[in-house]
Amino acid sequence: MGIRAGRPHWSPHNPARDQCGVTAMVLNDLLGGELIRGVVRVDGVQTDFHWWNRLGEGIEIDLTREQFAPEEIVSDGEVVPRPPHFTRLREEYALLRSRVLARLARPAA
């Protein structure tokens, strides 16, 4: 089961769907940098936000970009401050962070 399986758009066939916020926060924990938030639009109407990371020298990393269908257009985005507290995403963030840290702690095979 996915971390956000309770989200209406998440599915095992699209595991990146609805994971961008928590994924960007965990990557920010590990590598620092800036958080970027763009607007997702379909036919010009805003449907959501999308989060990703910008590291030093302007290198952008977006680990969940593949979640979007061709008709979903993501704006260039802007730097946003890291939210000081999590409410809606707290449990999902904690679970993903613990899984990533555990995986990083394992010796290479």
PDB file of N, CA and C in Angstrom:
ATOM      1  N   MET A   1       0.842  -1.176   0.000  1.00  0.00           N
ATOM      2  CA  MET A   1       0.000   0.000   0.000  1.00  0.00           C
ATOM      3  C   MET A   1       0.883   1.234   0.000  1.00  0.00           C
ATOM      4  N   GLY A   2       0.516   2.250  -0.733  1.00  0.00           N
ATOM      5  CA  GLY A   2       1.284   3.486  -0.814  1.00  0.00           C
ATOM      6  C   GLY A   2       1.082   4.349   0.409  1.00  0.00           C
ATOM      7  N   ILE A   3       1.985   5.257   0.580  1.00  0.00           N
ATOM      8  CA  ILE A   3       1.940   6.152   1.730  1.00  0.00           C
ATOM      9  C   ILE A   3       0.651   6.951   1.750  1.00  0.00           C
ATOM     10  N   ARG A   4       0.181   7.385   0.592  1.00  0.00           N
ATOM     11  CA  ARG A   4      -1.023   8.216   0.545  1.00  0.00           C
ATOM     12  C   ARG A   4      -2.154   7.489  -0.170  1.00  0.00           C
ATOM     13  N   ALA A   5      -2.273   6.216   0.087  1.00  0.00           N
ATOM     14  CA  ALA A   5      -3.285   5.421  -0.610  1.00  0.00           C
ATOM     15  C   ALA A   5      -4.695   5.945  -0.380  1.00  0.00           C
ATOM     16  N   GLY A   6      -4.924   6.703   0.696  1.00  0.00           N
ATOM     17  CA  GLY A   6      -6.227   7.271   0.954  1.00  0.00           C
ATOM     18  C   GLY A   6      -6.542   8.469   0.077  1.00  0.00           C
ATOM     19  N   ARG A   7      -5.571   8.970  -0.673  1.00  0.00           N
ATOM     20  CA  ARG A   7      -5.790  10.106  -1.561  1.00  0.00           C
ATOM     21  C   ARG A   7      -6.556   9.629  -2.792  1.00  0.00           C
ATOM     22  N   PRO A   8      -7.483  10.414  -3.292  1.00  0.00           N
ATOM     23  CA  PRO A   8      -8.346   9.942  -4.377  1.00  0.00           C
ATOM     24  C   PRO A   8      -7.639   9.673  -5.695  1.00  0.00           C
ATOM     25  N   HIS A   9      -6.497  10.307  -5.954  1.00  0.00           N
ATOM     26  CA  HIS A   9      -5.835  10.130  -7.243  1.00  0.00           C
ATOM     27  C   HIS A   9      -4.666   9.152  -7.190  1.00  0.00           C
ATOM     28  N   TRP A  10      -4.275   8.719  -5.999  1.00  0.00           N
ATOM     29  CA  TRP A  10      -3.154   7.786  -5.869  1.00  0.00           C
ATOM     30  C   TRP A  10      -3.586   6.406  -6.324  1.00  0.00           C
ATOM     31  N   SER A  11      -2.658   5.681  -6.955  1.00  0.00           N
ATOM     32  CA  SER A  11      -2.914   4.282  -7.290  1.00  0.00           C
ATOM     33  C   SER A  11      -1.573   3.563  -7.396  1.00  0.00           C
ATOM     34  N   PRO A  12      -1.565   2.246  -7.259  1.00  0.00           N
ATOM     35  CA  PRO A  12      -0.319   1.503  -7.431  1.00  0.00           C
ATOM     36  C   PRO A  12       0.279   1.674  -8.833  1.00  0.00           C
ATOM     37  N   HIS A  13      -0.561   2.026  -9.801  1.00  0.00           N
ATOM     38  CA  HIS A  13      -0.097   2.227 -11.173  1.00  0.00           C
ATOM     39  C   HIS A  13       0.536   3.600 -11.363  1.00  0.00           C
ATOM     40  N   ASN A  14       0.309   4.499 -10.421  1.00  0.00           N
ATOM     41  CA  ASN A  14       0.890   5.843 -10.457  1.00  0.00           C
ATOM     42  C   ASN A  14       1.332   6.195  -9.031  1.00  0.00           C
ATOM     43  N   PRO A  15       2.376   5.522  -8.514  1.00  0.00           N
ATOM     44  CA  PRO A  15       2.765   5.708  -7.117  1.00  0.00           C
ATOM     45  C   PRO A  15       3.302   7.095  -6.790  1.00  0.00           C
ATOM     46  N   ALA A  16       3.679   7.892  -7.772  1.00  0.00           N
ATOM     47  CA  ALA A  16       4.156   9.250  -7.514  1.00  0.00           C
ATOM     48  C   ALA A  16       3.002  10.227  -7.273  1.00  0.00           C
ATOM     49  N   ARG A  17       1.790   9.823  -7.657  1.00  0.00           N
ATOM     50  CA  ARG A  17       0.637  10.721  -7.564  1.00  0.00           C
ATOM     51  C   ARG A  17       0.389  11.147  -6.128  1.00  0.00           C
ATOM     52  N   ASP A  18       0.248  12.444  -5.925  1.00  0.00           N
ATOM     53  CA  ASP A  18      -0.035  13.042  -4.620  1.00  0.00           C
ATOM     54  C   ASP A  18       1.098  12.857  -3.606  1.00  0.00           C
ATOM     55  N   GLN A  19       2.296  12.552  -4.078  1.00  0.00           N
ATOM     56  CA  GLN A  19       3.433  12.356  -3.192  1.00  0.00           C
ATOM     57  C   GLN A  19       4.428  13.519  -3.228  1.00  0.00           C
ATOM     58  N   CYS A  20       4.183  14.529  -4.034  1.00  0.00           N
ATOM     59  CA  CYS A  20       5.200  15.550  -4.268  1.00  0.00           C
ATOM     60  C   CYS A  20       5.561  16.345  -3.027  1.00  0.00           C
ATOM     61  N   GLY A  21       4.588  16.727  -2.228  1.00  0.00           N
ATOM     62  CA  GLY A  21       4.883  17.547  -1.045  1.00  0.00           C
ATOM     63  C   GLY A  21       5.777  16.835  -0.053  1.00  0.00           C
ATOM     64  N   VAL A  22       5.395  15.631   0.336  1.00  0.00           N
ATOM     65  CA  VAL A  22       6.194  14.905   1.324  1.00  0.00           C
ATOM     66  C   VAL A  22       7.546  14.506   0.738  1.00  0.00           C
ATOM     67  N   THR A  23       7.586  14.153  -0.542  1.00  0.00           N
ATOM     68  CA  THR A  23       8.850  13.780  -1.175  1.00  0.00           C
ATOM     69  C   THR A  23       9.805  14.975  -1.210  1.00  0.00           C
ATOM     70  N   ALA A  24       9.305  16.136  -1.587  1.00  0.00           N
ATOM     71  CA  ALA A  24      10.142  17.336  -1.624  1.00  0.00           C
ATOM     72  C   ALA A  24      10.656  17.698  -0.232  1.00  0.00           C
ATOM     73  N   MET A  25       9.835  17.533   0.787  1.00  0.00           N
ATOM     74  CA  MET A  25      10.262  17.844   2.156  1.00  0.00           C
ATOM     75  C   MET A  25      11.363  16.899   2.632  1.00  0.00           C
ATOM     76  N   VAL A  26      11.213  15.603   2.342  1.00  0.00           N
ATOM     77  CA  VAL A  26      12.232  14.635   2.756  1.00  0.00           C
ATOM     78  C   VAL A  26      13.545  14.909   2.017  1.00  0.00           C
ATOM     79  N   LEU A  27      13.481  15.191   0.721  1.00  0.00           N
ATOM     80  CA  LEU A  27      14.700  15.519  -0.017  1.00  0.00           C
ATOM     81  C   LEU A  27      15.333  16.793   0.537  1.00  0.00           C
ATOM     82  N   ASN A  28      14.518  17.751   0.923  1.00  0.00           N
ATOM     83  CA  ASN A  28      15.015  18.978   1.540  1.00  0.00           C
ATOM     84  C   ASN A  28      15.717  18.675   2.864  1.00  0.00           C
ATOM     85  N   ASP A  29      15.181  17.743   3.639  1.00  0.00           N
ATOM     86  CA  ASP A  29      15.841  17.313   4.878  1.00  0.00           C
ATOM     87  C   ASP A  29      17.237  16.781   4.598  1.00  0.00           C
ATOM     88  N   LEU A  30      17.343  15.973   3.548  1.00  0.00           N
ATOM     89  CA  LEU A  30      18.598  15.276   3.255  1.00  0.00           C
ATOM     90  C   LEU A  30      19.629  16.135   2.537  1.00  0.00           C
ATOM     91  N   LEU A  31      19.175  16.971   1.608  1.00  0.00           N
ATOM     92  CA  LEU A  31      20.112  17.704   0.758  1.00  0.00           C
ATOM     93  C   LEU A  31      20.044  19.221   0.890  1.00  0.00           C
ATOM     94  N   GLY A  32      19.063  19.721   1.645  1.00  0.00           N
ATOM     95  CA  GLY A  32      18.921  21.173   1.768  1.00  0.00           C
ATOM     96  C   GLY A  32      18.359  21.772   0.495  1.00  0.00           C
ATOM     97  N   GLY A  33      18.747  22.988   0.217  1.00  0.00           N
ATOM     98  CA  GLY A  33      18.276  23.667  -0.986  1.00  0.00           C
ATOM     99  C   GLY A  33      16.963  24.382  -0.755  1.00  0.00           C
ATOM    100  N   GLU A  34      16.264  24.627  -1.839  1.00  0.00           N
ATOM    101  CA  GLU A  34      15.010  25.373  -1.791  1.00  0.00           C
ATOM    102  C   GLU A  34      13.848  24.487  -2.204  1.00  0.00           C
ATOM    103  N   LEU A  35      12.691  24.797  -1.677  1.00  0.00           N
ATOM    104  CA  LEU A  35      11.452  24.146  -2.090  1.00  0.00           C
ATOM    105  C   LEU A  35      10.806  24.999  -3.170  1.00  0.00           C
ATOM    106  N   ILE A  36      10.358  24.348  -4.222  1.00  0.00           N
ATOM    107  CA  ILE A  36       9.699  25.027  -5.334  1.00  0.00           C
ATOM    108  C   ILE A  36       8.256  24.533  -5.400  1.00  0.00           C
ATOM    109  N   ARG A  37       7.340  25.471  -5.606  1.00  0.00           N
ATOM    110  CA  ARG A  37       5.931  25.100  -5.754  1.00  0.00           C
ATOM    111  C   ARG A  37       5.389  25.715  -7.026  1.00  0.00           C
ATOM    112  N   GLY A  38       4.832  24.865  -7.868  1.00  0.00           N
ATOM    113  CA  GLY A  38       4.199  25.311  -9.097  1.00  0.00           C
ATOM    114  C   GLY A  38       2.712  25.034  -9.057  1.00  0.00           C
ATOM    115  N   VAL A  39       2.008  25.620  -9.984  1.00  0.00           N
ATOM    116  CA  VAL A  39       0.570  25.434 -10.102  1.00  0.00           C
ATOM    117  C   VAL A  39       0.300  24.417 -11.202  1.00  0.00           C
ATOM    118  N   VAL A  40      -0.592  23.492 -10.933  1.00  0.00           N
ATOM    119  CA  VAL A  40      -1.020  22.504 -11.930  1.00  0.00           C
ATOM    120  C   VAL A  40      -2.337  23.000 -12.523  1.00  0.00           C
ATOM    121  N   ARG A  41      -2.383  23.016 -13.859  1.00  0.00           N
ATOM    122  CA  ARG A  41      -3.598  23.457 -14.544  1.00  0.00           C
ATOM    123  C   ARG A  41      -4.014  22.423 -15.591  1.00  0.00           C
ATOM    124  N   VAL A  42      -5.309  22.320 -15.764  1.00  0.00           N
ATOM    125  CA  VAL A  42      -5.899  21.535 -16.841  1.00  0.00           C
ATOM    126  C   VAL A  42      -6.842  22.479 -17.578  1.00  0.00           C
ATOM    127  N   ASP A  43      -6.617  22.634 -18.867  1.00  0.00           N
ATOM    128  CA  ASP A  43      -7.419  23.568 -19.679  1.00  0.00           C
ATOM    129  C   ASP A  43      -7.451  24.959 -19.066  1.00  0.00           C
ATOM    130  N   GLY A  44      -6.312  25.379 -18.513  1.00  0.00           N
ATOM    131  CA  GLY A  44      -6.187  26.718 -17.951  1.00  0.00           C
ATOM    132  C   GLY A  44      -6.748  26.895 -16.556  1.00  0.00           C
ATOM    133  N   VAL A  45      -7.354  25.862 -15.986  1.00  0.00           N
ATOM    134  CA  VAL A  45      -7.965  25.946 -14.654  1.00  0.00           C
ATOM    135  C   VAL A  45      -7.042  25.265 -13.645  1.00  0.00           C
ATOM    136  N   GLN A  46      -6.754  25.986 -12.547  1.00  0.00           N
ATOM    137  CA  GLN A  46      -5.899  25.408 -11.518  1.00  0.00           C
ATOM    138  C   GLN A  46      -6.593  24.228 -10.855  1.00  0.00           C
ATOM    139  N   THR A  47      -5.867  23.106 -10.800  1.00  0.00           N
ATOM    140  CA  THR A  47      -6.411  21.903 -10.173  1.00  0.00           C
ATOM    141  C   THR A  47      -5.642  21.493  -8.928  1.00  0.00           C
ATOM    142  N   ASP A  48      -4.399  21.984  -8.793  1.00  0.00           N
ATOM    143  CA  ASP A  48      -3.578  21.556  -7.662  1.00  0.00           C
ATOM    144  C   ASP A  48      -2.296  22.370  -7.632  1.00  0.00           C
ATOM    145  N   PHE A  49      -1.417  22.024  -6.676  1.00  0.00           N
ATOM    146  CA  PHE A  49      -0.052  22.535  -6.620  1.00  0.00           C
ATOM    147  C   PHE A  49       0.890  21.357  -6.808  1.00  0.00           C
ATOM    148  N   HIS A  50       2.100  21.645  -7.262  1.00  0.00           N
ATOM    149  CA  HIS A  50       3.138  20.618  -7.380  1.00  0.00           C
ATOM    150  C   HIS A  50       4.408  21.151  -6.708  1.00  0.00           C
ATOM    151  N   TRP A  51       5.071  20.282  -5.938  1.00  0.00           N
ATOM    152  CA  TRP A  51       6.278  20.650  -5.192  1.00  0.00           C
ATOM    153  C   TRP A  51       7.471  19.868  -5.719  1.00  0.00           C
ATOM    154  N   TRP A  52       8.641  20.525  -5.762  1.00  0.00           N
ATOM    155  CA  TRP A  52       9.902  19.875  -6.087  1.00  0.00           C
ATOM    156  C   TRP A  52      11.036  20.658  -5.440  1.00  0.00           C
ATOM    157  N   ASN A  53      12.282  20.325  -5.758  1.00  0.00           N
ATOM    158  CA  ASN A  53      13.436  20.893  -5.069  1.00  0.00           C
ATOM    159  C   ASN A  53      14.396  21.577  -6.037  1.00  0.00           C
ATOM    160  N   ARG A  54      15.095  22.591  -5.517  1.00  0.00           N
ATOM    161  CA  ARG A  54      16.194  23.234  -6.245  1.00  0.00           C
ATOM    162  C   ARG A  54      17.406  23.200  -5.320  1.00  0.00           C
ATOM    163  N   LEU A  55      18.463  22.617  -5.811  1.00  0.00           N
ATOM    164  CA  LEU A  55      19.697  22.519  -5.047  1.00  0.00           C
ATOM    165  C   LEU A  55      20.660  23.610  -5.501  1.00  0.00           C
ATOM    166  N   GLY A  56      21.865  23.573  -4.989  1.00  0.00           N
ATOM    167  CA  GLY A  56      22.859  24.573  -5.352  1.00  0.00           C
ATOM    168  C   GLY A  56      23.050  24.694  -6.851  1.00  0.00           C
ATOM    169  N   GLU A  57      23.477  25.863  -7.283  1.00  0.00           N
ATOM    170  CA  GLU A  57      23.718  26.188  -8.689  1.00  0.00           C
ATOM    171  C   GLU A  57      22.475  26.031  -9.556  1.00  0.00           C
ATOM    172  N   GLY A  58      21.296  26.083  -8.939  1.00  0.00           N
ATOM    173  CA  GLY A  58      20.046  26.061  -9.700  1.00  0.00           C
ATOM    174  C   GLY A  58      19.624  24.708 -10.229  1.00  0.00           C
ATOM    175  N   ILE A  59      20.212  23.637  -9.728  1.00  0.00           N
ATOM    176  CA  ILE A  59      19.851  22.298 -10.191  1.00  0.00           C
ATOM    177  C   ILE A  59      18.510  21.907  -9.583  1.00  0.00           C
ATOM    178  N   GLU A  60      17.534  21.633 -10.439  1.00  0.00           N
ATOM    179  CA  GLU A  60      16.211  21.245  -9.964  1.00  0.00           C
ATOM    180  C   GLU A  60      16.050  19.729 -10.019  1.00  0.00           C
ATOM    181  N   ILE A  61      15.484  19.185  -8.940  1.00  0.00           N
ATOM    182  CA  ILE A  61      15.214  17.757  -8.844  1.00  0.00           C
ATOM    183  C   ILE A  61      13.727  17.595  -8.562  1.00  0.00           C
ATOM    184  N   ASP A  62      13.069  16.861  -9.425  1.00  0.00           N
ATOM    185  CA  ASP A  62      11.642  16.613  -9.281  1.00  0.00           C
ATOM    186  C   ASP A  62      11.420  15.110  -9.349  1.00  0.00           C
ATOM    187  N   LEU A  63      11.300  14.487  -8.188  1.00  0.00           N
ATOM    188  CA  LEU A  63      11.189  13.034  -8.116  1.00  0.00           C
ATOM    189  C   LEU A  63       9.785  12.512  -8.381  1.00  0.00           C
ATOM    190  N   THR A  64       8.812  13.401  -8.548  1.00  0.00           N
ATOM    191  CA  THR A  64       7.432  12.948  -8.747  1.00  0.00           C
ATOM    192  C   THR A  64       6.771  13.558  -9.990  1.00  0.00           C
ATOM    193  N   ARG A  65       7.537  14.114 -10.889  1.00  0.00           N
ATOM    194  CA  ARG A  65       6.973  14.775 -12.082  1.00  0.00           C
ATOM    195  C   ARG A  65       6.171  13.809 -12.947  1.00  0.00           C
ATOM    196  N   GLU A  66       6.552  12.540 -12.931  1.00  0.00           N
ATOM    197  CA  GLU A  66       5.892  11.575 -13.813  1.00  0.00           C
ATOM    198  C   GLU A  66       4.447  11.298 -13.430  1.00  0.00           C
ATOM    199  N   GLN A  67       3.984  11.852 -12.335  1.00  0.00           N
ATOM    200  CA  GLN A  67       2.610  11.607 -11.890  1.00  0.00           C
ATOM    201  C   GLN A  67       1.560  12.235 -12.806  1.00  0.00           C
ATOM    202  N   PHE A  68       1.961  13.221 -13.592  1.00  0.00           N
ATOM    203  CA  PHE A  68       0.983  14.008 -14.331  1.00  0.00           C
ATOM    204  C   PHE A  68       0.664  13.446 -15.709  1.00  0.00           C
ATOM    205  N   ALA A  69      -0.597  13.556 -16.074  1.00  0.00           N
ATOM    206  CA  ALA A  69      -1.058  13.195 -17.417  1.00  0.00           C
ATOM    207  C   ALA A  69      -0.685  14.337 -18.371  1.00  0.00           C
ATOM    208  N   PRO A  70      -0.654  14.076 -19.673  1.00  0.00           N
ATOM    209  CA  PRO A  70      -0.259  15.109 -20.634  1.00  0.00           C
ATOM    210  C   PRO A  70      -1.084  16.394 -20.557  1.00  0.00           C
ATOM    211  N   GLU A  71      -2.343  16.289 -20.185  1.00  0.00           N
ATOM    212  CA  GLU A  71      -3.182  17.500 -20.137  1.00  0.00           C
ATOM    213  C   GLU A  71      -2.955  18.329 -18.867  1.00  0.00           C
ATOM    214  N   GLU A  72      -2.202  17.804 -17.920  1.00  0.00           N
ATOM    215  CA  GLU A  72      -1.906  18.534 -16.686  1.00  0.00           C
ATOM    216  C   GLU A  72      -0.601  19.302 -16.881  1.00  0.00           C
ATOM    217  N   ILE A  73      -0.694  20.622 -16.872  1.00  0.00           N
ATOM    218  CA  ILE A  73       0.454  21.493 -17.123  1.00  0.00           C
ATOM    219  C   ILE A  73       0.902  22.106 -15.802  1.00  0.00           C
ATOM    220  N   VAL A  74       2.204  21.979 -15.510  1.00  0.00           N
ATOM    221  CA  VAL A  74       2.773  22.526 -14.279  1.00  0.00           C
ATOM    222  C   VAL A  74       3.531  23.803 -14.615  1.00  0.00           C
ATOM    223  N   SER A  75       3.232  24.886 -13.887  1.00  0.00           N
ATOM    224  CA  SER A  75       3.922  26.153 -14.105  1.00  0.00           C
ATOM    225  C   SER A  75       5.381  26.039 -13.682  1.00  0.00           C
ATOM    226  N   ASP A  76       6.171  27.054 -14.034  1.00  0.00           N
ATOM    227  CA  ASP A  76       7.589  27.062 -13.700  1.00  0.00           C
ATOM    228  C   ASP A  76       7.835  26.987 -12.197  1.00  0.00           C
ATOM    229  N   GLY A  77       6.972  27.526 -11.407  1.00  0.00           N
ATOM    230  CA  GLY A  77       7.109  27.449  -9.954  1.00  0.00           C
ATOM    231  C   GLY A  77       7.889  28.605  -9.370  1.00  0.00           C
ATOM    232  N   GLU A  78       7.784  28.710  -8.064  1.00  0.00           N
ATOM    233  CA  GLU A  78       8.496  29.754  -7.324  1.00  0.00           C
ATOM    234  C   GLU A  78       8.999  29.168  -6.013  1.00  0.00           C
ATOM    235  N   VAL A  79      10.053  29.782  -5.492  1.00  0.00           N
ATOM    236  CA  VAL A  79      10.607  29.342  -4.216  1.00  0.00           C
ATOM    237  C   VAL A  79       9.607  29.691  -3.121  1.00  0.00           C
ATOM    238  N   VAL A  80       9.356  28.730  -2.242  1.00  0.00           N
ATOM    239  CA  VAL A  80       8.449  28.951  -1.118  1.00  0.00           C
ATOM    240  C   VAL A  80       9.170  28.543   0.173  1.00  0.00           C
ATOM    241  N   PRO A  81       8.839  29.215   1.271  1.00  0.00           N
ATOM    242  CA  PRO A  81       9.462  28.815   2.537  1.00  0.00           C
ATOM    243  C   PRO A  81       8.947  27.457   2.985  1.00  0.00           C
ATOM    244  N   ARG A  82       9.809  26.747   3.691  1.00  0.00           N
ATOM    245  CA  ARG A  82       9.402  25.447   4.222  1.00  0.00           C
ATOM    246  C   ARG A  82       8.333  25.675   5.275  1.00  0.00           C
ATOM    247  N   PRO A  83       7.227  24.949   5.191  1.00  0.00           N
ATOM    248  CA  PRO A  83       6.183  25.109   6.215  1.00  0.00           C
ATOM    249  C   PRO A  83       6.748  24.754   7.596  1.00  0.00           C
ATOM    250  N   PRO A  84       6.491  25.584   8.600  1.00  0.00           N
ATOM    251  CA  PRO A  84       7.055  25.317   9.931  1.00  0.00           C
ATOM    252  C   PRO A  84       6.413  24.116  10.622  1.00  0.00           C
ATOM    253  N   HIS A  85       5.187  23.804  10.267  1.00  0.00           N
ATOM    254  CA  HIS A  85       4.474  22.691  10.888  1.00  0.00           C
ATOM    255  C   HIS A  85       3.712  21.933   9.814  1.00  0.00           C
ATOM    256  N   PHE A  86       3.600  20.639  10.021  1.00  0.00           N
ATOM    257  CA  PHE A  86       2.788  19.825   9.140  1.00  0.00           C
ATOM    258  C   PHE A  86       1.496  19.524   9.868  1.00  0.00           C
ATOM    259  N   THR A  87       0.418  19.594   9.181  1.00  0.00           N
ATOM    260  CA  THR A  87      -0.847  19.168   9.773  1.00  0.00           C
ATOM    261  C   THR A  87      -1.380  18.006   8.951  1.00  0.00           C
ATOM    262  N   ARG A  88      -1.844  18.293   7.754  1.00  0.00           N
ATOM    263  CA  ARG A  88      -2.438  17.271   6.889  1.00  0.00           C
ATOM    264  C   ARG A  88      -1.433  16.204   6.474  1.00  0.00           C
ATOM    265  N   LEU A  89      -0.168  16.571   6.297  1.00  0.00           N
ATOM    266  CA  LEU A  89       0.822  15.637   5.761  1.00  0.00           C
ATOM    267  C   LEU A  89       1.768  15.065   6.811  1.00  0.00           C
ATOM    268  N   ARG A  90       1.561  15.363   8.071  1.00  0.00           N
ATOM    269  CA  ARG A  90       2.509  14.985   9.125  1.00  0.00           C
ATOM    270  C   ARG A  90       2.797  13.484   9.146  1.00  0.00           C
ATOM    271  N   GLU A  91       1.775  12.657   9.168  1.00  0.00           N
ATOM    272  CA  GLU A  91       1.979  11.211   9.239  1.00  0.00           C
ATOM    273  C   GLU A  91       2.628  10.665   7.967  1.00  0.00           C
ATOM    274  N   GLU A  92       2.205  11.170   6.826  1.00  0.00           N
ATOM    275  CA  GLU A  92       2.773  10.720   5.561  1.00  0.00           C
ATOM    276  C   GLU A  92       4.244  11.102   5.461  1.00  0.00           C
ATOM    277  N   TYR A  93       4.570  12.334   5.869  1.00  0.00           N
ATOM    278  CA  TYR A  93       5.955  12.798   5.870  1.00  0.00           C
ATOM    279  C   TYR A  93       6.808  11.935   6.802  1.00  0.00           C
ATOM    280  N   ALA A  94       6.335  11.691   8.005  1.00  0.00           N
ATOM    281  CA  ALA A  94       7.096  10.899   8.981  1.00  0.00           C
ATOM    282  C   ALA A  94       7.338   9.480   8.462  1.00  0.00           C
ATOM    283  N   LEU A  95       6.340   8.888   7.832  1.00  0.00           N
ATOM    284  CA  LEU A  95       6.480   7.534   7.313  1.00  0.00           C
ATOM    285  C   LEU A  95       7.493   7.488   6.166  1.00  0.00           C
ATOM    286  N   LEU A  96       7.361   8.387   5.202  1.00  0.00           N
ATOM    287  CA  LEU A  96       8.301   8.401   4.089  1.00  0.00           C
ATOM    288  C   LEU A  96       9.714   8.688   4.577  1.00  0.00           C
ATOM    289  N   ARG A  97       9.862   9.649   5.468  1.00  0.00           N
ATOM    290  CA  ARG A  97      11.192   9.995   5.992  1.00  0.00           C
ATOM    291  C   ARG A  97      11.826   8.797   6.683  1.00  0.00           C
ATOM    292  N   SER A  98      11.078   8.097   7.516  1.00  0.00           N
ATOM    293  CA  SER A  98      11.631   6.943   8.219  1.00  0.00           C
ATOM    294  C   SER A  98      12.019   5.831   7.246  1.00  0.00           C
ATOM    295  N   ARG A  99      11.224   5.627   6.206  1.00  0.00           N
ATOM    296  CA  ARG A  99      11.548   4.597   5.211  1.00  0.00           C
ATOM    297  C   ARG A  99      12.807   4.958   4.420  1.00  0.00           C
ATOM    298  N   VAL A 100      12.919   6.215   4.035  1.00  0.00           N
ATOM    299  CA  VAL A 100      14.103   6.646   3.277  1.00  0.00           C
ATOM    300  C   VAL A 100      15.350   6.543   4.148  1.00  0.00           C
ATOM    301  N   LEU A 101      15.283   7.020   5.382  1.00  0.00           N
ATOM    302  CA  LEU A 101      16.450   6.954   6.268  1.00  0.00           C
ATOM    303  C   LEU A 101      16.856   5.507   6.551  1.00  0.00           C
ATOM    304  N   ALA A 102      15.883   4.625   6.729  1.00  0.00           N
ATOM    305  CA  ALA A 102      16.187   3.212   6.944  1.00  0.00           C
ATOM    306  C   ALA A 102      16.862   2.616   5.720  1.00  0.00           C
ATOM    307  N   ARG A 103      16.377   2.961   4.545  1.00  0.00           N
ATOM    308  CA  ARG A 103      16.964   2.443   3.309  1.00  0.00           C
ATOM    309  C   ARG A 103      18.392   2.960   3.119  1.00  0.00           C
ATOM    310  N   LEU A 104      18.628   4.226   3.444  1.00  0.00           N
ATOM    311  CA  LEU A 104      19.969   4.799   3.316  1.00  0.00           C
ATOM    312  C   LEU A 104      20.945   4.181   4.316  1.00  0.00           C
ATOM    313  N   ALA A 105      20.441   3.700   5.427  1.00  0.00           N
ATOM    314  CA  ALA A 105      21.301   3.107   6.453  1.00  0.00           C
ATOM    315  C   ALA A 105      21.729   1.682   6.120  1.00  0.00           C
ATOM    316  N   ARG A 106      21.052   1.043   5.189  1.00  0.00           N
ATOM    317  CA  ARG A 106      21.393  -0.336   4.809  1.00  0.00           C
ATOM    318  C   ARG A 106      22.709  -0.367   4.029  1.00  0.00           C
ATOM    319  N   PRO A 107      23.530  -1.383   4.290  1.00  0.00           N
ATOM    320  CA  PRO A 107      24.755  -1.521   3.467  1.00  0.00           C
ATOM    321  C   PRO A 107      24.400  -1.847   2.019  1.00  0.00           C
ATOM    322  N   ALA A 108      25.234  -1.407   1.117  1.00  0.00           N
ATOM    323  CA  ALA A 108      24.999  -1.697  -0.307  1.00  0.00           C
ATOM    324  C   ALA A 108      25.088  -3.198  -0.554  1.00  0.00           C
ATOM    325  N   ALA A 109      24.253  -3.688  -1.438  1.00  0.00           N
ATOM    326  CA  ALA A 109      24.227  -5.133  -1.750  1.00  0.00           C
ATOM    327  C   ALA A 109      25.384  -5.525  -2.635  1.00  0.00           C
TER     328      ALA A 109
END
